[in-house]
Amino acid sequence: TPLTQERARKLKAGDSCLISGVIYTARDAAHK
């Protein structure tokens, strides 16, 4: 991370991935 749009567009359905770096958590109350 960060996951740029350019990088995201290269990923394809079915790809297995290993993410390293910073991600965030949020569920519906936080999204609202």
ModelCIF file with pLDDT and N, C-alpha, C, O atoms, coordinates in Angstrom:
data_MODEL
#
_entry.id   MODEL 
#
_entity.id                         1 
_entity.type                       polymer 
_entity.pdbx_number_of_molecules   1 
#
_entity_poly.entity_id                      1 
_entity_poly.type                           'polypeptide(L)' 
_entity_poly.nstd_linkage                   no 
_entity_poly.nstd_monomer                   no 
_entity_poly.pdbx_seq_one_letter_code       TPLTQERARKLKAGDSCLISGVIYTARDAAHK 
_entity_poly.pdbx_seq_one_letter_code_can   TPLTQERARKLKAGDSCLISGVIYTARDAAHK 
_entity_poly.pdbx_strand_id                 A 
#
loop_
_entity_poly_seq.entity_id 
_entity_poly_seq.num 
_entity_poly_seq.mon_id 
_entity_poly_seq.hetero 
1 1  THR n 
1 2  PRO n 
1 3  LEU n 
1 4  THR n 
1 5  GLN n 
1 6  GLU n 
1 7  ARG n 
1 8  ALA n 
1 9  ARG n 
1 10 LYS n 
1 11 LEU n 
1 12 LYS n 
1 13 ALA n 
1 14 GLY n 
1 15 ASP n 
1 16 SER n 
1 17 CYS n 
1 18 LEU n 
1 19 ILE n 
1 20 SER n 
1 21 GLY n 
1 22 VAL n 
1 23 ILE n 
1 24 TYR n 
1 25 THR n 
1 26 ALA n 
1 27 ARG n 
1 28 ASP n 
1 29 ALA n 
1 30 ALA n 
1 31 HIS n 
1 32 LYS n 
#
_struct_asym.id          A 
_struct_asym.entity_id   1 
#
loop_
_ma_qa_metric.id 
_ma_qa_metric.mode 
_ma_qa_metric.name 
_ma_qa_metric.software_group_id 
_ma_qa_metric.type 
1 global pLDDT . pLDDT 
2 local  pLDDT . pLDDT 
#
_ma_qa_metric_global.metric_id      1 
_ma_qa_metric_global.metric_value   97.00 
_ma_qa_metric_global.model_id       1 
_ma_qa_metric_global.ordinal_id     1 
#
loop_
_ma_qa_metric_local.label_asym_id 
_ma_qa_metric_local.label_comp_id 
_ma_qa_metric_local.label_seq_id 
_ma_qa_metric_local.metric_id 
_ma_qa_metric_local.metric_value 
_ma_qa_metric_local.model_id 
_ma_qa_metric_local.ordinal_id 
A THR 1  2 98.00 1 1  
A PRO 2  2 97.00 1 2  
A LEU 3  2 98.00 1 3  
A THR 4  2 97.00 1 4  
A GLN 5  2 96.00 1 5  
A GLU 6  2 96.00 1 6  
A ARG 7  2 97.00 1 7  
A ALA 8  2 98.00 1 8  
A ARG 9  2 97.00 1 9  
A LYS 10 2 97.00 1 10 
A LEU 11 2 98.00 1 11 
A LYS 12 2 97.00 1 12 
A ALA 13 2 96.00 1 13 
A GLY 14 2 95.00 1 14 
A ASP 15 2 96.00 1 15 
A SER 16 2 96.00 1 16 
A CYS 17 2 98.00 1 17 
A LEU 18 2 98.00 1 18 
A ILE 19 2 98.00 1 19 
A SER 20 2 98.00 1 20 
A GLY 21 2 98.00 1 21 
A VAL 22 2 98.00 1 22 
A ILE 23 2 98.00 1 23 
A TYR 24 2 98.00 1 24 
A THR 25 2 97.00 1 25 
A ALA 26 2 97.00 1 26 
A ARG 27 2 95.00 1 27 
A ASP 28 2 95.00 1 28 
A ALA 29 2 96.00 1 29 
A ALA 30 2 97.00 1 30 
A HIS 31 2 97.00 1 31 
A LYS 32 2 97.00 1 32 
#
loop_
_atom_site.group_PDB 
_atom_site.id 
_atom_site.type_symbol 
_atom_site.label_atom_id 
_atom_site.label_alt_id 
_atom_site.label_comp_id 
_atom_site.label_asym_id 
_atom_site.label_entity_id 
_atom_site.label_seq_id 
_atom_site.pdbx_PDB_ins_code 
_atom_site.Cartn_x 
_atom_site.Cartn_y 
_atom_site.Cartn_z 
_atom_site.occupancy 
_atom_site.B_iso_or_equiv 
_atom_site.pdbx_formal_charge 
_atom_site.auth_seq_id 
_atom_site.auth_comp_id 
_atom_site.auth_asym_id 
_atom_site.auth_atom_id 
_atom_site.pdbx_PDB_model_num 
ATOM 1   N N  . THR A 1 1  ? 0.839   -1.193  0.000   1.00 98.00 ? 1  THR A N  1 
ATOM 2   C CA . THR A 1 1  ? 0.000   0.000   0.000   1.00 98.00 ? 1  THR A CA 1 
ATOM 3   C C  . THR A 1 1  ? 0.870   1.238   0.000   1.00 98.00 ? 1  THR A C  1 
ATOM 4   O O  . THR A 1 1  ? 2.013   1.196   0.455   1.00 98.00 ? 1  THR A O  1 
ATOM 5   N N  . PRO A 1 2  ? 0.334   2.355   -0.512  1.00 97.00 ? 2  PRO A N  1 
ATOM 6   C CA . PRO A 1 2  ? -1.015  2.575   -1.015  1.00 97.00 ? 2  PRO A CA 1 
ATOM 7   C C  . PRO A 1 2  ? -1.249  1.850   -2.340  1.00 97.00 ? 2  PRO A C  1 
ATOM 8   O O  . PRO A 1 2  ? -0.316  1.590   -3.100  1.00 97.00 ? 2  PRO A O  1 
ATOM 9   N N  . LEU A 1 3  ? -2.529  1.529   -2.598  1.00 98.00 ? 3  LEU A N  1 
ATOM 10  C CA . LEU A 1 3  ? -2.930  0.853   -3.825  1.00 98.00 ? 3  LEU A CA 1 
ATOM 11  C C  . LEU A 1 3  ? -3.422  1.908   -4.808  1.00 98.00 ? 3  LEU A C  1 
ATOM 12  O O  . LEU A 1 3  ? -4.533  2.423   -4.679  1.00 98.00 ? 3  LEU A O  1 
ATOM 13  N N  . THR A 1 4  ? -2.589  2.221   -5.786  1.00 97.00 ? 4  THR A N  1 
ATOM 14  C CA . THR A 1 4  ? -2.960  3.233   -6.772  1.00 97.00 ? 4  THR A CA 1 
ATOM 15  C C  . THR A 1 4  ? -4.018  2.686   -7.727  1.00 97.00 ? 4  THR A C  1 
ATOM 16  O O  . THR A 1 4  ? -4.188  1.472   -7.849  1.00 97.00 ? 4  THR A O  1 
ATOM 17  N N  . GLN A 1 5  ? -4.721  3.584   -8.397  1.00 96.00 ? 5  GLN A N  1 
ATOM 18  C CA . GLN A 1 5  ? -5.707  3.159   -9.393  1.00 96.00 ? 5  GLN A CA 1 
ATOM 19  C C  . GLN A 1 5  ? -5.029  2.374   -10.510 1.00 96.00 ? 5  GLN A C  1 
ATOM 20  O O  . GLN A 1 5  ? -5.569  1.380   -10.996 1.00 96.00 ? 5  GLN A O  1 
ATOM 21  N N  . GLU A 1 6  ? -3.857  2.820   -10.910 1.00 96.00 ? 6  GLU A N  1 
ATOM 22  C CA . GLU A 1 6  ? -3.123  2.123   -11.973 1.00 96.00 ? 6  GLU A CA 1 
ATOM 23  C C  . GLU A 1 6  ? -2.849  0.675   -11.569 1.00 96.00 ? 6  GLU A C  1 
ATOM 24  O O  . GLU A 1 6  ? -3.051  -0.244  -12.362 1.00 96.00 ? 6  GLU A O  1 
ATOM 25  N N  . ARG A 1 7  ? -2.392  0.477   -10.341 1.00 97.00 ? 7  ARG A N  1 
ATOM 26  C CA . ARG A 1 7  ? -2.100  -0.877  -9.836  1.00 97.00 ? 7  ARG A CA 1 
ATOM 27  C C  . ARG A 1 7  ? -3.392  -1.679  -9.674  1.00 97.00 ? 7  ARG A C  1 
ATOM 28  O O  . ARG A 1 7  ? -3.432  -2.861  -10.015 1.00 97.00 ? 7  ARG A O  1 
ATOM 29  N N  . ALA A 1 8  ? -4.452  -1.041  -9.155  1.00 98.00 ? 8  ALA A N  1 
ATOM 30  C CA . ALA A 1 8  ? -5.731  -1.730  -8.957  1.00 98.00 ? 8  ALA A CA 1 
ATOM 31  C C  . ALA A 1 8  ? -6.284  -2.226  -10.286 1.00 98.00 ? 8  ALA A C  1 
ATOM 32  O O  . ALA A 1 8  ? -6.851  -3.317  -10.354 1.00 98.00 ? 8  ALA A O  1 
ATOM 33  N N  . ARG A 1 9  ? -6.123  -1.430  -11.347 1.00 97.00 ? 9  ARG A N  1 
ATOM 34  C CA . ARG A 1 9  ? -6.657  -1.805  -12.657 1.00 97.00 ? 9  ARG A CA 1 
ATOM 35  C C  . ARG A 1 9  ? -5.918  -3.001  -13.261 1.00 97.00 ? 9  ARG A C  1 
ATOM 36  O O  . ARG A 1 9  ? -6.441  -3.641  -14.174 1.00 97.00 ? 9  ARG A O  1 
ATOM 37  N N  . LYS A 1 10 ? -4.738  -3.311  -12.784 1.00 97.00 ? 10 LYS A N  1 
ATOM 38  C CA . LYS A 1 10 ? -3.992  -4.468  -13.291 1.00 97.00 ? 10 LYS A CA 1 
ATOM 39  C C  . LYS A 1 10 ? -4.420  -5.770  -12.628 1.00 97.00 ? 10 LYS A C  1 
ATOM 40  O O  . LYS A 1 10 ? -4.133  -6.850  -13.145 1.00 97.00 ? 10 LYS A O  1 
ATOM 41  N N  . LEU A 1 11 ? -5.097  -5.680  -11.496 1.00 98.00 ? 11 LEU A N  1 
ATOM 42  C CA . LEU A 1 11 ? -5.545  -6.882  -10.791 1.00 98.00 ? 11 LEU A CA 1 
ATOM 43  C C  . LEU A 1 11 ? -6.775  -7.464  -11.480 1.00 98.00 ? 11 LEU A C  1 
ATOM 44  O O  . LEU A 1 11 ? -7.630  -6.727  -11.970 1.00 98.00 ? 11 LEU A O  1 
ATOM 45  N N  . LYS A 1 12 ? -6.854  -8.774  -11.511 1.00 97.00 ? 12 LYS A N  1 
ATOM 46  C CA . LYS A 1 12 ? -7.954  -9.463  -12.181 1.00 97.00 ? 12 LYS A CA 1 
ATOM 47  C C  . LYS A 1 12 ? -8.687  -10.375 -11.215 1.00 97.00 ? 12 LYS A C  1 
ATOM 48  O O  . LYS A 1 12 ? -8.089  -10.931 -10.294 1.00 97.00 ? 12 LYS A O  1 
ATOM 49  N N  . ALA A 1 13 ? -9.987  -10.524 -11.431 1.00 96.00 ? 13 ALA A N  1 
ATOM 50  C CA . ALA A 1 13 ? -10.798 -11.420 -10.600 1.00 96.00 ? 13 ALA A CA 1 
ATOM 51  C C  . ALA A 1 13 ? -10.145 -12.798 -10.578 1.00 96.00 ? 13 ALA A C  1 
ATOM 52  O O  . ALA A 1 13 ? -9.798  -13.352 -11.621 1.00 96.00 ? 13 ALA A O  1 
ATOM 53  N N  . GLY A 1 14 ? -9.987  -13.335 -9.386  1.00 95.00 ? 14 GLY A N  1 
ATOM 54  C CA . GLY A 1 14 ? -9.349  -14.633 -9.210  1.00 95.00 ? 14 GLY A CA 1 
ATOM 55  C C  . GLY A 1 14 ? -7.909  -14.544 -8.751  1.00 95.00 ? 14 GLY A C  1 
ATOM 56  O O  . GLY A 1 14 ? -7.352  -15.540 -8.289  1.00 95.00 ? 14 GLY A O  1 
ATOM 57  N N  . ASP A 1 15 ? -7.282  -13.356 -8.867  1.00 96.00 ? 15 ASP A N  1 
ATOM 58  C CA . ASP A 1 15 ? -5.896  -13.209 -8.410  1.00 96.00 ? 15 ASP A CA 1 
ATOM 59  C C  . ASP A 1 15 ? -5.814  -13.393 -6.893  1.00 96.00 ? 15 ASP A C  1 
ATOM 60  O O  . ASP A 1 15 ? -6.564  -12.766 -6.145  1.00 96.00 ? 15 ASP A O  1 
ATOM 61  N N  . SER A 1 16 ? -4.907  -14.250 -6.449  1.00 96.00 ? 16 SER A N  1 
ATOM 62  C CA . SER A 1 16 ? -4.593  -14.360 -5.027  1.00 96.00 ? 16 SER A CA 1 
ATOM 63  C C  . SER A 1 16 ? -3.561  -13.292 -4.720  1.00 96.00 ? 16 SER A C  1 
ATOM 64  O O  . SER A 1 16 ? -2.587  -13.137 -5.457  1.00 96.00 ? 16 SER A O  1 
ATOM 65  N N  . CYS A 1 17 ? -3.764  -12.552 -3.634  1.00 98.00 ? 17 CYS A N  1 
ATOM 66  C CA . CYS A 1 17 ? -2.881  -11.436 -3.301  1.00 98.00 ? 17 CYS A CA 1 
ATOM 67  C C  . CYS A 1 17 ? -2.440  -11.498 -1.843  1.00 98.00 ? 17 CYS A C  1 
ATOM 68  O O  . CYS A 1 17 ? -3.126  -12.064 -0.992  1.00 98.00 ? 17 CYS A O  1 
ATOM 69  N N  . LEU A 1 18 ? -1.295  -10.912 -1.579  1.00 98.00 ? 18 LEU A N  1 
ATOM 70  C CA . LEU A 1 18 ? -0.788  -10.718 -0.226  1.00 98.00 ? 18 LEU A CA 1 
ATOM 71  C C  . LEU A 1 18 ? -0.543  -9.230  -0.053  1.00 98.00 ? 18 LEU A C  1 
ATOM 72  O O  . LEU A 1 18 ? 0.306   -8.648  -0.728  1.00 98.00 ? 18 LEU A O  1 
ATOM 73  N N  . ILE A 1 19 ? -1.296  -8.614  0.862   1.00 98.00 ? 19 ILE A N  1 
ATOM 74  C CA . ILE A 1 19 ? -1.208  -7.170  1.064   1.00 98.00 ? 19 ILE A CA 1 
ATOM 75  C C  . ILE A 1 19 ? -0.286  -6.864  2.236   1.00 98.00 ? 19 ILE A C  1 
ATOM 76  O O  . ILE A 1 19 ? -0.391  -7.476  3.299   1.00 98.00 ? 19 ILE A O  1 
ATOM 77  N N  . SER A 1 20 ? 0.615   -5.915  2.034   1.00 98.00 ? 20 SER A N  1 
ATOM 78  C CA . SER A 1 20 ? 1.488   -5.419  3.101   1.00 98.00 ? 20 SER A CA 1 
ATOM 79  C C  . SER A 1 20 ? 1.416   -3.898  3.109   1.00 98.00 ? 20 SER A C  1 
ATOM 80  O O  . SER A 1 20 ? 1.305   -3.260  2.062   1.00 98.00 ? 20 SER A O  1 
ATOM 81  N N  . GLY A 1 21 ? 1.480   -3.333  4.307   1.00 98.00 ? 21 GLY A N  1 
ATOM 82  C CA . GLY A 1 21 ? 1.429   -1.880  4.452   1.00 98.00 ? 21 GLY A CA 1 
ATOM 83  C C  . GLY A 1 21 ? 0.273   -1.475  5.338   1.00 98.00 ? 21 GLY A C  1 
ATOM 84  O O  . GLY A 1 21 ? -0.107  -2.204  6.254   1.00 98.00 ? 21 GLY A O  1 
ATOM 85  N N  . VAL A 1 22 ? -0.284  -0.305  5.063   1.00 98.00 ? 22 VAL A N  1 
ATOM 86  C CA . VAL A 1 22 ? -1.369  0.251   5.885   1.00 98.00 ? 22 VAL A CA 1 
ATOM 87  C C  . VAL A 1 22 ? -2.712  0.031   5.204   1.00 98.00 ? 22 VAL A C  1 
ATOM 88  O O  . VAL A 1 22 ? -2.887  0.346   4.027   1.00 98.00 ? 22 VAL A O  1 
ATOM 89  N N  . ILE A 1 23 ? -3.654  -0.515  5.963   1.00 98.00 ? 23 ILE A N  1 
ATOM 90  C CA . ILE A 1 23 ? -5.052  -0.581  5.536   1.00 98.00 ? 23 ILE A CA 1 
ATOM 91  C C  . ILE A 1 23 ? -5.884  -0.033  6.692   1.00 98.00 ? 23 ILE A C  1 
ATOM 92  O O  . ILE A 1 23 ? -5.378  0.138   7.801   1.00 98.00 ? 23 ILE A O  1 
ATOM 93  N N  . TYR A 1 24 ? -7.144  0.238   6.433   1.00 98.00 ? 24 TYR A N  1 
ATOM 94  C CA . TYR A 1 24 ? -8.031  0.791   7.462   1.00 98.00 ? 24 TYR A CA 1 
ATOM 95  C C  . TYR A 1 24 ? -9.220  -0.133  7.674   1.00 98.00 ? 24 TYR A C  1 
ATOM 96  O O  . TYR A 1 24 ? -9.598  -0.892  6.781   1.00 98.00 ? 24 TYR A O  1 
ATOM 97  N N  . THR A 1 25 ? -9.804  -0.063  8.862   1.00 97.00 ? 25 THR A N  1 
ATOM 98  C CA . THR A 1 25 ? -11.024 -0.810  9.135   1.00 97.00 ? 25 THR A CA 1 
ATOM 99  C C  . THR A 1 25 ? -12.192 0.151   9.198   1.00 97.00 ? 25 THR A C  1 
ATOM 100 O O  . THR A 1 25 ? -12.054 1.293   9.636   1.00 97.00 ? 25 THR A O  1 
ATOM 101 N N  . ALA A 1 26 ? -13.340 -0.322  8.756   1.00 97.00 ? 26 ALA A N  1 
ATOM 102 C CA . ALA A 1 26 ? -14.587 0.442   8.899   1.00 97.00 ? 26 ALA A CA 1 
ATOM 103 C C  . ALA A 1 26 ? -15.737 -0.487  8.567   1.00 97.00 ? 26 ALA A C  1 
ATOM 104 O O  . ALA A 1 26 ? -15.676 -1.273  7.622   1.00 97.00 ? 26 ALA A O  1 
ATOM 105 N N  . ARG A 1 27 ? -16.782 -0.376  9.365   1.00 95.00 ? 27 ARG A N  1 
ATOM 106 C CA . ARG A 1 27 ? -18.009 -1.102  9.079   1.00 95.00 ? 27 ARG A CA 1 
ATOM 107 C C  . ARG A 1 27 ? -19.118 -0.099  8.813   1.00 95.00 ? 27 ARG A C  1 
ATOM 108 O O  . ARG A 1 27 ? -18.846 1.083   8.602   1.00 95.00 ? 27 ARG A O  1 
ATOM 109 N N  . ASP A 1 28 ? -20.359 -0.554  8.819   1.00 95.00 ? 28 ASP A N  1 
ATOM 110 C CA . ASP A 1 28 ? -21.460 0.304   8.378   1.00 95.00 ? 28 ASP A CA 1 
ATOM 111 C C  . ASP A 1 28 ? -21.651 1.563   9.218   1.00 95.00 ? 28 ASP A C  1 
ATOM 112 O O  . ASP A 1 28 ? -21.928 2.621   8.654   1.00 95.00 ? 28 ASP A O  1 
ATOM 113 N N  . ALA A 1 29 ? -21.514 1.494   10.534  1.00 96.00 ? 29 ALA A N  1 
ATOM 114 C CA . ALA A 1 29 ? -21.715 2.698   11.357  1.00 96.00 ? 29 ALA A CA 1 
ATOM 115 C C  . ALA A 1 29 ? -20.653 3.753   11.029  1.00 96.00 ? 29 ALA A C  1 
ATOM 116 O O  . ALA A 1 29 ? -20.963 4.940   10.930  1.00 96.00 ? 29 ALA A O  1 
ATOM 117 N N  . ALA A 1 30 ? -19.408 3.317   10.864  1.00 97.00 ? 30 ALA A N  1 
ATOM 118 C CA . ALA A 1 30 ? -18.328 4.256   10.517  1.00 97.00 ? 30 ALA A CA 1 
ATOM 119 C C  . ALA A 1 30 ? -18.517 4.786   9.096   1.00 97.00 ? 30 ALA A C  1 
ATOM 120 O O  . ALA A 1 30 ? -18.295 5.970   8.844   1.00 97.00 ? 30 ALA A O  1 
ATOM 121 N N  . HIS A 1 31 ? -18.922 3.927   8.176   1.00 97.00 ? 31 HIS A N  1 
ATOM 122 C CA . HIS A 1 31 ? -19.179 4.372   6.801   1.00 97.00 ? 31 HIS A CA 1 
ATOM 123 C C  . HIS A 1 31 ? -20.264 5.447   6.773   1.00 97.00 ? 31 HIS A C  1 
ATOM 124 O O  . HIS A 1 31 ? -20.148 6.439   6.052   1.00 97.00 ? 31 HIS A O  1 
ATOM 125 N N  . LYS A 1 32 ? -21.303 5.245   7.551   1.00 97.00 ? 32 LYS A N  1 
ATOM 126 C CA . LYS A 1 32 ? -22.379 6.234   7.596   1.00 97.00 ? 32 LYS A CA 1 
ATOM 127 C C  . LYS A 1 32 ? -21.842 7.582   8.054   1.00 97.00 ? 32 LYS A C  1 
ATOM 128 O O  . LYS A 1 32 ? -22.600 8.547   8.156   1.00 97.00 ? 32 LYS A O  1 
#
